């Protein structure tokens, strides 16, 4: 694999790592690990830890899909492997 191919995969794996860290922090962190601390804050009448566990994480996951698609498009264009 040449240098540009290695750089492409490094950029791709870096983005994937960041996305998965956010996914873990939101789903497991905010919904389970930090729920007791977050429950002191209320959002829409519900404790924030409960809100993240029930629906907040879904909003974040959908946002992560769009962020991933946008950033991968930028990486693809940067390394000239885009489909446009």
Protein backbone atom coordinates (compact mmCIF):
# COMPACT_ATOMS: atom_id res chain seq x y z
CA UNK A 1 0.00 0.00 0.00
CA UNK A 2 1.39 3.40 -0.89
CA UNK A 3 1.67 6.40 1.42
CA UNK A 4 -1.61 8.00 0.32
CA UNK A 5 -3.47 4.72 0.92
CA UNK A 6 -2.00 4.48 4.40
CA UNK A 7 -2.88 8.10 5.14
CA UNK A 8 -6.43 7.52 3.88
CA UNK A 9 -6.95 4.54 6.18
CA UNK A 10 -5.36 6.37 9.09
CA UNK A 11 -7.79 9.27 8.59
CA UNK A 12 -10.73 6.87 8.21
CA UNK A 13 -9.86 4.91 11.35
CA UNK A 14 -9.25 8.15 13.27
CA UNK A 15 -12.75 9.37 12.39
CA UNK A 16 -14.28 6.01 13.23
CA UNK A 17 -12.51 5.99 16.60
CA UNK A 18 -13.84 9.45 17.45
CA UNK A 19 -17.39 8.48 16.43
CA UNK A 20 -17.26 5.30 18.50
CA UNK A 21 -15.93 7.14 21.56
CA UNK A 22 -18.84 9.60 21.39
CA UNK A 23 -21.25 6.69 20.86
CA UNK A 24 -19.86 4.90 23.93
CA UNK A 25 -19.93 8.00 26.14
CA UNK A 26 -23.51 8.79 25.19
CA UNK A 27 -24.97 5.30 25.33
CA UNK A 28 -23.07 3.66 28.16
CA UNK A 29 -21.70 6.75 29.90
CA UNK A 30 -24.66 9.13 30.01
CA UNK A 31 -27.30 6.40 30.07
CA UNK A 32 -25.70 4.12 32.70
CA UNK A 33 -22.39 5.19 34.29
CA UNK A 34 -23.12 8.89 34.86
CA UNK A 35 -26.92 8.63 35.09
CA UNK A 36 -27.03 9.29 38.83
CA UNK A 37 -25.02 12.50 38.45
CA UNK A 38 -27.05 13.62 35.43
CA UNK A 39 -30.38 12.91 37.13
CA UNK A 40 -29.95 16.09 39.18
CA UNK A 41 -30.59 18.04 35.97
CA UNK A 42 -34.07 17.94 34.46
CA UNK A 43 -34.91 18.26 30.77
CA UNK A 44 -38.55 18.50 29.82
CA UNK A 45 -39.56 17.38 33.31
CA UNK A 46 -37.43 14.22 33.19
CA UNK A 47 -34.07 13.54 34.83
CA UNK A 48 -31.28 14.00 32.26
CA UNK A 49 -29.79 10.53 32.83
CA UNK A 50 -33.17 8.94 32.15
CA UNK A 51 -33.68 11.19 29.10
CA UNK A 52 -30.33 10.11 27.62
CA UNK A 53 -31.08 6.45 28.26
CA UNK A 54 -34.52 6.66 26.64
CA UNK A 55 -34.34 9.11 23.76
CA UNK A 56 -31.36 11.46 23.97
CA UNK A 57 -28.96 8.78 22.83
CA UNK A 58 -31.11 8.14 19.75
CA UNK A 59 -30.86 11.81 18.76
CA UNK A 60 -27.09 11.69 19.22
CA UNK A 61 -26.82 8.47 17.18
CA UNK A 62 -28.74 10.00 14.28
CA UNK A 63 -26.53 13.09 14.46
CA UNK A 64 -23.44 10.83 14.43
CA UNK A 65 -24.64 9.21 11.20
CA UNK A 66 -24.83 12.59 9.47
CA UNK A 67 -21.51 13.75 10.94
CA UNK A 68 -19.83 10.52 9.83
CA UNK A 69 -21.21 10.82 6.29
CA UNK A 70 -20.11 14.46 6.00
CA UNK A 71 -16.63 13.84 7.39
CA UNK A 72 -16.09 10.71 5.27
CA UNK A 73 -17.07 12.72 2.20
CA UNK A 74 -14.43 15.29 3.13
CA UNK A 75 -11.81 12.57 3.67
CA UNK A 76 -12.74 10.91 0.34
CA UNK A 77 -12.40 14.23 -1.52
CA UNK A 78 -9.11 15.00 0.22
CA UNK A 79 -7.62 11.70 -0.97
CA UNK A 80 -9.43 11.80 -4.35
CA UNK A 81 -11.40 8.60 -3.87
CA UNK A 82 -14.86 10.20 -3.97
CA UNK A 83 -17.67 8.96 -6.20
CA UNK A 84 -18.94 12.27 -7.57
